Structure formats: C-alpha cells, structure tokens
All heavy atoms as atom14 arrays in JSON, in Angstrom:
{
  "sequence": "NSARAHELLHSAKERGLADAVKEALLSGHFEHGMDIGDL",
  "atom14_mask": [
    [1, 1, 1, 1, 1, 1, 1, 1, 0, 0, 0, 0, 0, 0],
    [1, 1, 1, 1, 1, 1, 0, 0, 0, 0, 0, 0, 0, 0],
    [1, 1, 1, 1, 1, 0, 0, 0, 0, 0, 0, 0, 0, 0],
    [1, 1, 1, 1, 1, 1, 1, 1, 1, 1, 1, 0, 0, 0],
    [1, 1, 1, 1, 1, 0, 0, 0, 0, 0, 0, 0, 0, 0],
    [1, 1, 1, 1, 1, 1, 1, 1, 1, 1, 0, 0, 0, 0],
    [1, 1, 1, 1, 1, 1, 1, 1, 1, 0, 0, 0, 0, 0],
    [1, 1, 1, 1, 1, 1, 1, 1, 0, 0, 0, 0, 0, 0],
    [1, 1, 1, 1, 1, 1, 1, 1, 0, 0, 0, 0, 0, 0],
    [1, 1, 1, 1, 1, 1, 1, 1, 1, 1, 0, 0, 0, 0],
    [1, 1, 1, 1, 1, 1, 0, 0, 0, 0, 0, 0, 0, 0],
    [1, 1, 1, 1, 1, 0, 0, 0, 0, 0, 0, 0, 0, 0],
    [1, 1, 1, 1, 1, 1, 1, 1, 1, 0, 0, 0, 0, 0],
    [1, 1, 1, 1, 1, 1, 1, 1, 1, 0, 0, 0, 0, 0],
    [1, 1, 1, 1, 1, 1, 1, 1, 1, 1, 1, 0, 0, 0],
    [1, 1, 1, 1, 0, 0, 0, 0, 0, 0, 0, 0, 0, 0],
    [1, 1, 1, 1, 1, 1, 1, 1, 0, 0, 0, 0, 0, 0],
    [1, 1, 1, 1, 1, 0, 0, 0, 0, 0, 0, 0, 0, 0],
    [1, 1, 1, 1, 1, 1, 1, 1, 0, 0, 0, 0, 0, 0],
    [1, 1, 1, 1, 1, 0, 0, 0, 0, 0, 0, 0, 0, 0],
    [1, 1, 1, 1, 1, 1, 1, 0, 0, 0, 0, 0, 0, 0],
    [1, 1, 1, 1, 1, 1, 1, 1, 1, 0, 0, 0, 0, 0],
    [1, 1, 1, 1, 1, 1, 1, 1, 1, 0, 0, 0, 0, 0],
    [1, 1, 1, 1, 1, 0, 0, 0, 0, 0, 0, 0, 0, 0],
    [1, 1, 1, 1, 1, 1, 1, 1, 0, 0, 0, 0, 0, 0],
    [1, 1, 1, 1, 1, 1, 1, 1, 0, 0, 0, 0, 0, 0],
    [1, 1, 1, 1, 1, 1, 0, 0, 0, 0, 0, 0, 0, 0],
    [1, 1, 1, 1, 0, 0, 0, 0, 0, 0, 0, 0, 0, 0],
    [1, 1, 1, 1, 1, 1, 1, 1, 1, 1, 0, 0, 0, 0],
    [1, 1, 1, 1, 1, 1, 1, 1, 1, 1, 1, 0, 0, 0],
    [1, 1, 1, 1, 1, 1, 1, 1, 1, 0, 0, 0, 0, 0],
    [1, 1, 1, 1, 1, 1, 1, 1, 1, 1, 0, 0, 0, 0],
    [1, 1, 1, 1, 0, 0, 0, 0, 0, 0, 0, 0, 0, 0],
    [1, 1, 1, 1, 1, 1, 1, 1, 0, 0, 0, 0, 0, 0],
    [1, 1, 1, 1, 1, 1, 1, 1, 0, 0, 0, 0, 0, 0],
    [1, 1, 1, 1, 1, 1, 1, 1, 0, 0, 0, 0, 0, 0],
    [1, 1, 1, 1, 0, 0, 0, 0, 0, 0, 0, 0, 0, 0],
    [1, 1, 1, 1, 1, 1, 1, 1, 0, 0, 0, 0, 0, 0],
    [1, 1, 1, 1, 1, 1, 1, 1, 0, 0, 0, 0, 0, 0]
  ],
  "atom14_positions": [
    [[0.84, -1.19, 0.0], [0.01, 0.0, 0.0], [0.89, 1.25, -0.01], [1.86, 1.34, 0.76], [-0.91, -0.01, 1.23], [-2.03, 1.04, 1.14], [-1.76, 2.23, 1.07], [-3.27, 0.58, 1.14], [0.0, 0.0, 0.0], [0.0, 0.0, 0.0], [0.0, 0.0, 0.0], [0.0, 0.0, 0.0], [0.0, 0.0, 0.0], [0.0, 0.0, 0.0]],
    [[0.53, 2.22, -0.86], [1.37, 3.42, -1.01], [0.99, 4.55, -0.07], [1.62, 5.61, -0.15], [1.3, 3.91, -2.44], [-0.01, 4.28, -2.81], [0.0, 0.0, 0.0], [0.0, 0.0, 0.0], [0.0, 0.0, 0.0], [0.0, 0.0, 0.0], [0.0, 0.0, 0.0], [0.0, 0.0, 0.0], [0.0, 0.0, 0.0], [0.0, 0.0, 0.0]],
    [[0.0, 4.34, 0.79], [-0.52, 5.49, 1.6], [0.56, 6.14, 2.45], [0.69, 7.34, 2.51], [-1.66, 4.99, 2.49], [0.0, 0.0, 0.0], [0.0, 0.0, 0.0], [0.0, 0.0, 0.0], [0.0, 0.0, 0.0], [0.0, 0.0, 0.0], [0.0, 0.0, 0.0], [0.0, 0.0, 0.0], [0.0, 0.0, 0.0], [0.0, 0.0, 0.0]],
    [[1.34, 5.31, 3.16], [2.35, 5.85, 4.05], [3.47, 6.58, 3.28], [4.0, 7.58, 3.72], [2.95, 4.78, 4.95], [3.84, 5.25, 6.04], [4.28, 4.13, 6.95], [3.33, 3.93, 8.02], [3.47, 3.01, 9.01], [4.51, 2.2, 8.98], [2.59, 2.93, 9.96], [0.0, 0.0, 0.0], [0.0, 0.0, 0.0], [0.0, 0.0, 0.0]],
    [[3.77, 6.07, 2.09], [4.77, 6.74, 1.24], [4.26, 8.1, 0.82], [5.03, 9.08, 0.69], [5.09, 5.86, 0.03], [0.0, 0.0, 0.0], [0.0, 0.0, 0.0], [0.0, 0.0, 0.0], [0.0, 0.0, 0.0], [0.0, 0.0, 0.0], [0.0, 0.0, 0.0], [0.0, 0.0, 0.0], [0.0, 0.0, 0.0], [0.0, 0.0, 0.0]],
    [[2.96, 8.25, 0.58], [2.38, 9.52, 0.24], [2.48, 10.48, 1.42], [2.7, 11.69, 1.26], [0.94, 9.39, -0.21], [0.78, 8.9, -1.61], [1.16, 9.65, -2.69], [0.29, 7.74, -2.1], [0.9, 8.98, -3.82], [0.34, 7.81, -3.47], [0.0, 0.0, 0.0], [0.0, 0.0, 0.0], [0.0, 0.0, 0.0], [0.0, 0.0, 0.0]],
    [[2.34, 9.97, 2.63], [2.5, 10.8, 3.81], [3.92, 11.33, 3.89], [4.17, 12.51, 4.24], [2.16, 10.02, 5.08], [0.71, 9.61, 5.19], [0.45, 8.74, 6.41], [0.98, 9.05, 7.49], [-0.28, 7.73, 6.29], [0.0, 0.0, 0.0], [0.0, 0.0, 0.0], [0.0, 0.0, 0.0], [0.0, 0.0, 0.0], [0.0, 0.0, 0.0]],
    [[4.9, 10.48, 3.55], [6.29, 10.92, 3.49], [6.46, 12.04, 2.48], [7.19, 13.01, 2.75], [7.2, 9.75, 3.15], [8.68, 10.09, 2.93], [9.33, 10.68, 4.16], [9.46, 8.83, 2.45], [0.0, 0.0, 0.0], [0.0, 0.0, 0.0], [0.0, 0.0, 0.0], [0.0, 0.0, 0.0], [0.0, 0.0, 0.0], [0.0, 0.0, 0.0]],
    [[5.79, 11.92, 1.36], [5.92, 12.95, 0.31], [5.4, 14.31, 0.8], [5.98, 15.35, 0.51], [5.14, 12.5, -0.93], [5.88, 11.57, -1.88], [4.91, 11.0, -2.91], [7.02, 12.33, -2.56], [0.0, 0.0, 0.0], [0.0, 0.0, 0.0], [0.0, 0.0, 0.0], [0.0, 0.0, 0.0], [0.0, 0.0, 0.0], [0.0, 0.0, 0.0]],
    [[4.32, 14.31, 1.58], [3.79, 15.56, 2.1], [4.74, 16.17, 3.12], [4.92, 17.39, 3.19], [2.41, 15.34, 2.7], [1.33, 15.41, 1.7], [0.75, 16.59, 1.29], [0.7, 14.4, 1.0], [-0.16, 16.34, 0.39], [-0.22, 15.03, 0.18], [0.0, 0.0, 0.0], [0.0, 0.0, 0.0], [0.0, 0.0, 0.0], [0.0, 0.0, 0.0]],
    [[5.4, 15.32, 3.89], [6.41, 15.84, 4.82], [7.55, 16.46, 4.05], [8.04, 17.56, 4.4], [6.94, 14.69, 5.68], [7.98, 15.14, 6.53], [0.0, 0.0, 0.0], [0.0, 0.0, 0.0], [0.0, 0.0, 0.0], [0.0, 0.0, 0.0], [0.0, 0.0, 0.0], [0.0, 0.0, 0.0], [0.0, 0.0, 0.0], [0.0, 0.0, 0.0]],
    [[7.97, 15.81, 2.98], [9.06, 16.38, 2.16], [8.64, 17.64, 1.42], [9.44, 18.56, 1.25], [9.52, 15.31, 1.15], [0.0, 0.0, 0.0], [0.0, 0.0, 0.0], [0.0, 0.0, 0.0], [0.0, 0.0, 0.0], [0.0, 0.0, 0.0], [0.0, 0.0, 0.0], [0.0, 0.0, 0.0], [0.0, 0.0, 0.0], [0.0, 0.0, 0.0]],
    [[7.38, 17.73, 1.04], [6.88, 18.89, 0.32], [7.01, 20.15, 1.16], [7.35, 21.22, 0.65], [5.42, 18.69, -0.09], [4.83, 19.83, -0.93], [3.31, 19.73, -1.03], [2.9, 18.49, -1.79], [1.41, 18.5, -2.08], [0.0, 0.0, 0.0], [0.0, 0.0, 0.0], [0.0, 0.0, 0.0], [0.0, 0.0, 0.0], [0.0, 0.0, 0.0]],
    [[6.76, 20.03, 2.46], [6.84, 21.19, 3.35], [8.26, 21.73, 3.42], [8.47, 22.89, 3.79], [6.37, 20.8, 4.73], [4.85, 20.61, 4.85], [4.4, 20.44, 6.29], [5.25, 20.33, 7.16], [3.16, 20.45, 6.51], [0.0, 0.0, 0.0], [0.0, 0.0, 0.0], [0.0, 0.0, 0.0], [0.0, 0.0, 0.0], [0.0, 0.0, 0.0]],
    [[9.24, 20.91, 3.09], [10.64, 21.3, 3.18], [11.31, 21.47, 1.83], [12.53, 21.49, 1.72], [11.41, 20.33, 4.06], [10.93, 20.39, 5.53], [11.14, 19.08, 6.24], [10.58, 19.14, 7.61], [9.29, 18.99, 7.88], [8.42, 18.75, 6.93], [8.87, 19.04, 9.15], [0.0, 0.0, 0.0], [0.0, 0.0, 0.0], [0.0, 0.0, 0.0]],
    [[10.49, 21.5, 0.77], [11.04, 21.69, -0.58], [11.8, 20.5, -1.14], [12.65, 20.67, -2.02], [0.0, 0.0, 0.0], [0.0, 0.0, 0.0], [0.0, 0.0, 0.0], [0.0, 0.0, 0.0], [0.0, 0.0, 0.0], [0.0, 0.0, 0.0], [0.0, 0.0, 0.0], [0.0, 0.0, 0.0], [0.0, 0.0, 0.0], [0.0, 0.0, 0.0]],
    [[11.52, 19.3, -0.62], [12.26, 18.1, -1.03], [11.38, 17.06, -1.7], [11.74, 15.89, -1.81], [12.94, 17.49, 0.2], [14.01, 18.38, 0.88], [14.45, 17.76, 2.18], [15.21, 18.57, -0.03], [0.0, 0.0, 0.0], [0.0, 0.0, 0.0], [0.0, 0.0, 0.0], [0.0, 0.0, 0.0], [0.0, 0.0, 0.0], [0.0, 0.0, 0.0]],
    [[10.19, 17.48, -2.14], [9.24, 16.52, -2.67], [9.77, 15.81, -3.91], [9.57, 14.61, -4.09], [7.91, 17.25, -3.0], [0.0, 0.0, 0.0], [0.0, 0.0, 0.0], [0.0, 0.0, 0.0], [0.0, 0.0, 0.0], [0.0, 0.0, 0.0], [0.0, 0.0, 0.0], [0.0, 0.0, 0.0], [0.0, 0.0, 0.0], [0.0, 0.0, 0.0]],
    [[10.46, 16.51, -4.8], [10.92, 15.91, -6.02], [11.98, 14.85, -5.75], [11.96, 13.75, -6.31], [11.51, 16.92, -6.99], [11.68, 16.36, -8.38], [10.65, 16.27, -9.11], [12.78, 15.94, -8.75], [0.0, 0.0, 0.0], [0.0, 0.0, 0.0], [0.0, 0.0, 0.0], [0.0, 0.0, 0.0], [0.0, 0.0, 0.0], [0.0, 0.0, 0.0]],
    [[12.89, 15.12, -4.84], [13.94, 14.15, -4.49], [13.33, 12.9, -3.89], [13.76, 11.78, -4.17], [14.97, 14.8, -3.56], [0.0, 0.0, 0.0], [0.0, 0.0, 0.0], [0.0, 0.0, 0.0], [0.0, 0.0, 0.0], [0.0, 0.0, 0.0], [0.0, 0.0, 0.0], [0.0, 0.0, 0.0], [0.0, 0.0, 0.0], [0.0, 0.0, 0.0]],
    [[12.41, 13.09, -2.99], [11.75, 11.98, -2.32], [10.92, 11.14, -3.33], [10.94, 9.92, -3.32], [10.9, 12.41, -1.13], [10.05, 11.26, -0.6], [11.8, 12.92, -0.01], [0.0, 0.0, 0.0], [0.0, 0.0, 0.0], [0.0, 0.0, 0.0], [0.0, 0.0, 0.0], [0.0, 0.0, 0.0], [0.0, 0.0, 0.0], [0.0, 0.0, 0.0]],
    [[10.17, 11.84, -4.17], [9.35, 11.15, -5.19], [10.23, 10.3, -6.12], [9.91, 9.16, -6.43], [8.52, 12.15, -6.0], [7.52, 11.54, -6.95], [6.49, 10.71, -6.19], [5.38, 10.18, -7.1], [4.42, 11.24, -7.45], [0.0, 0.0, 0.0], [0.0, 0.0, 0.0], [0.0, 0.0, 0.0], [0.0, 0.0, 0.0], [0.0, 0.0, 0.0]],
    [[11.32, 10.9, -6.55], [12.27, 10.16, -7.41], [12.78, 8.91, -6.72], [12.84, 7.81, -7.31], [13.43, 11.08, -7.82], [14.45, 10.45, -8.7], [13.94, 10.16, -10.11], [13.02, 10.83, -10.56], [14.52, 9.27, -10.77], [0.0, 0.0, 0.0], [0.0, 0.0, 0.0], [0.0, 0.0, 0.0], [0.0, 0.0, 0.0], [0.0, 0.0, 0.0]],
    [[13.16, 9.06, -5.46], [13.73, 7.91, -4.7], [12.69, 6.82, -4.5], [12.98, 5.64, -4.6], [14.27, 8.39, -3.37], [0.0, 0.0, 0.0], [0.0, 0.0, 0.0], [0.0, 0.0, 0.0], [0.0, 0.0, 0.0], [0.0, 0.0, 0.0], [0.0, 0.0, 0.0], [0.0, 0.0, 0.0], [0.0, 0.0, 0.0], [0.0, 0.0, 0.0]],
    [[11.45, 7.22, -4.22], [10.39, 6.24, -4.02], [10.05, 5.49, -5.3], [9.93, 4.24, -5.29], [9.14, 6.93, -3.48], [9.19, 7.43, -2.04], [7.96, 8.29, -1.75], [9.28, 6.26, -1.05], [0.0, 0.0, 0.0], [0.0, 0.0, 0.0], [0.0, 0.0, 0.0], [0.0, 0.0, 0.0], [0.0, 0.0, 0.0], [0.0, 0.0, 0.0]],
    [[9.95, 6.21, -6.4], [9.62, 5.55, -7.67], [10.75, 4.64, -8.12], [10.51, 3.5, -8.57], [9.34, 6.6, -8.74], [8.02, 7.39, -8.61], [8.02, 8.61, -9.53], [6.85, 6.47, -8.94], [0.0, 0.0, 0.0], [0.0, 0.0, 0.0], [0.0, 0.0, 0.0], [0.0, 0.0, 0.0], [0.0, 0.0, 0.0], [0.0, 0.0, 0.0]],
    [[11.98, 5.14, -8.02], [13.12, 4.29, -8.4], [13.21, 3.06, -7.49], [13.44, 1.95, -7.98], [14.4, 5.12, -8.34], [15.53, 4.31, -8.65], [0.0, 0.0, 0.0], [0.0, 0.0, 0.0], [0.0, 0.0, 0.0], [0.0, 0.0, 0.0], [0.0, 0.0, 0.0], [0.0, 0.0, 0.0], [0.0, 0.0, 0.0], [0.0, 0.0, 0.0]],
    [[13.07, 3.29, -6.2], [13.16, 2.19, -5.26], [12.08, 1.13, -5.51], [12.36, -0.07, -5.52], [0.0, 0.0, 0.0], [0.0, 0.0, 0.0], [0.0, 0.0, 0.0], [0.0, 0.0, 0.0], [0.0, 0.0, 0.0], [0.0, 0.0, 0.0], [0.0, 0.0, 0.0], [0.0, 0.0, 0.0], [0.0, 0.0, 0.0], [0.0, 0.0, 0.0]],
    [[10.87, 1.57, -5.81], [9.76, 0.63, -6.0], [9.89, -0.14, -7.3], [9.71, -1.38, -7.3], [8.45, 1.43, -5.99], [7.22, 0.58, -6.1], [6.92, -0.42, -5.23], [6.22, 0.59, -7.05], [5.77, -0.99, -5.56], [5.33, -0.41, -6.67], [0.0, 0.0, 0.0], [0.0, 0.0, 0.0], [0.0, 0.0, 0.0], [0.0, 0.0, 0.0]],
    [[10.19, 0.53, -8.41], [10.16, -0.11, -9.7], [11.52, -0.67, -10.17], [11.55, -1.53, -11.04], [9.64, 0.86, -10.75], [8.16, 1.08, -10.63], [7.67, 2.31, -10.18], [7.25, 0.09, -10.93], [6.3, 2.52, -10.05], [5.89, 0.29, -10.82], [5.41, 1.52, -10.35], [0.0, 0.0, 0.0], [0.0, 0.0, 0.0], [0.0, 0.0, 0.0]],
    [[12.6, -0.15, -9.6], [13.92, -0.58, -10.08], [14.71, -1.41, -9.06], [15.6, -2.2, -9.44], [14.76, 0.62, -10.48], [14.18, 1.43, -11.61], [15.04, 2.64, -12.0], [15.31, 3.47, -11.12], [15.44, 2.71, -13.2], [0.0, 0.0, 0.0], [0.0, 0.0, 0.0], [0.0, 0.0, 0.0], [0.0, 0.0, 0.0], [0.0, 0.0, 0.0]],
    [[14.41, -1.28, -7.78], [15.28, -1.87, -6.75], [14.57, -2.7, -5.71], [15.17, -3.07, -4.71], [16.08, -0.74, -6.06], [16.89, 0.11, -7.02], [17.95, -0.39, -7.73], [16.7, 1.39, -7.38], [18.45, 0.58, -8.49], [17.71, 1.65, -8.32], [0.0, 0.0, 0.0], [0.0, 0.0, 0.0], [0.0, 0.0, 0.0], [0.0, 0.0, 0.0]],
    [[13.32, -3.05, -5.91], [12.59, -3.93, -5.02], [12.38, -3.38, -3.62], [12.3, -4.11, -2.65], [0.0, 0.0, 0.0], [0.0, 0.0, 0.0], [0.0, 0.0, 0.0], [0.0, 0.0, 0.0], [0.0, 0.0, 0.0], [0.0, 0.0, 0.0], [0.0, 0.0, 0.0], [0.0, 0.0, 0.0], [0.0, 0.0, 0.0], [0.0, 0.0, 0.0]],
    [[12.25, -2.09, -3.51], [12.01, -1.45, -2.19], [10.57, -1.7, -1.73], [9.65, -1.65, -2.55], [12.3, 0.03, -2.29], [11.92, 0.82, -1.02], [12.03, 2.61, -1.31], [11.21, 3.17, 0.16], [0.0, 0.0, 0.0], [0.0, 0.0, 0.0], [0.0, 0.0, 0.0], [0.0, 0.0, 0.0], [0.0, 0.0, 0.0], [0.0, 0.0, 0.0]],
    [[10.39, -1.91, -0.46], [9.11, -2.07, 0.12], [8.57, -0.68, 0.56], [8.97, -0.16, 1.6], [9.15, -3.03, 1.33], [7.8, -3.31, 1.91], [6.81, -2.61, 1.56], [7.7, -4.21, 2.77], [0.0, 0.0, 0.0], [0.0, 0.0, 0.0], [0.0, 0.0, 0.0], [0.0, 0.0, 0.0], [0.0, 0.0, 0.0], [0.0, 0.0, 0.0]],
    [[7.69, -0.11, -0.25], [7.2, 1.27, 0.05], [6.2, 1.32, 1.2], [5.73, 2.37, 1.57], [6.61, 1.92, -1.19], [5.4, 1.14, -1.72], [7.64, 2.13, -2.26], [4.63, 1.83, -2.82], [0.0, 0.0, 0.0], [0.0, 0.0, 0.0], [0.0, 0.0, 0.0], [0.0, 0.0, 0.0], [0.0, 0.0, 0.0], [0.0, 0.0, 0.0]],
    [[5.9, 0.15, 1.78], [5.04, 0.11, 2.92], [5.78, -0.07, 4.22], [5.2, -0.03, 5.3], [0.0, 0.0, 0.0], [0.0, 0.0, 0.0], [0.0, 0.0, 0.0], [0.0, 0.0, 0.0], [0.0, 0.0, 0.0], [0.0, 0.0, 0.0], [0.0, 0.0, 0.0], [0.0, 0.0, 0.0], [0.0, 0.0, 0.0], [0.0, 0.0, 0.0]],
    [[7.1, -0.23, 4.13], [7.93, -0.47, 5.3], [8.39, 0.84, 5.93], [9.01, 1.66, 5.24], [9.12, -1.35, 4.93], [10.01, -1.67, 6.11], [9.66, -2.53, 6.89], [11.08, -0.99, 6.26], [0.0, 0.0, 0.0], [0.0, 0.0, 0.0], [0.0, 0.0, 0.0], [0.0, 0.0, 0.0], [0.0, 0.0, 0.0], [0.0, 0.0, 0.0]],
    [[8.11, 1.05, 7.19], [8.44, 2.3, 7.87], [9.93, 2.61, 7.83], [10.34, 3.73, 7.51], [7.97, 2.23, 9.34], [8.33, 3.42, 10.2], [7.67, 4.71, 9.67], [7.92, 3.17, 11.64], [0.0, 0.0, 0.0], [0.0, 0.0, 0.0], [0.0, 0.0, 0.0], [0.0, 0.0, 0.0], [0.0, 0.0, 0.0], [0.0, 0.0, 0.0]]
  ]
}
C-alpha cells in the first residue's frame, strides 16, 4: 500500500524536497525492489 509513502511525500513537500523523495520512491519501487510500505 502506497498510503504511508504519500505521507512521507507531504512531509518532504513542506521542506522543498518533494521531487527528491518522489524520485527515490519511484526508483526504489520499480527498479530496486524497495518495500514502500515499510516504515
């Protein structure tokens, strides 16, 4: 489930880091087998 990862994105957005976090999440999920539901 991507809900918690979206919460992380909102945290990053407040600090101007949304693009870096979104890139890392997408790359991790589709290229590196990252578990986007793991805290």
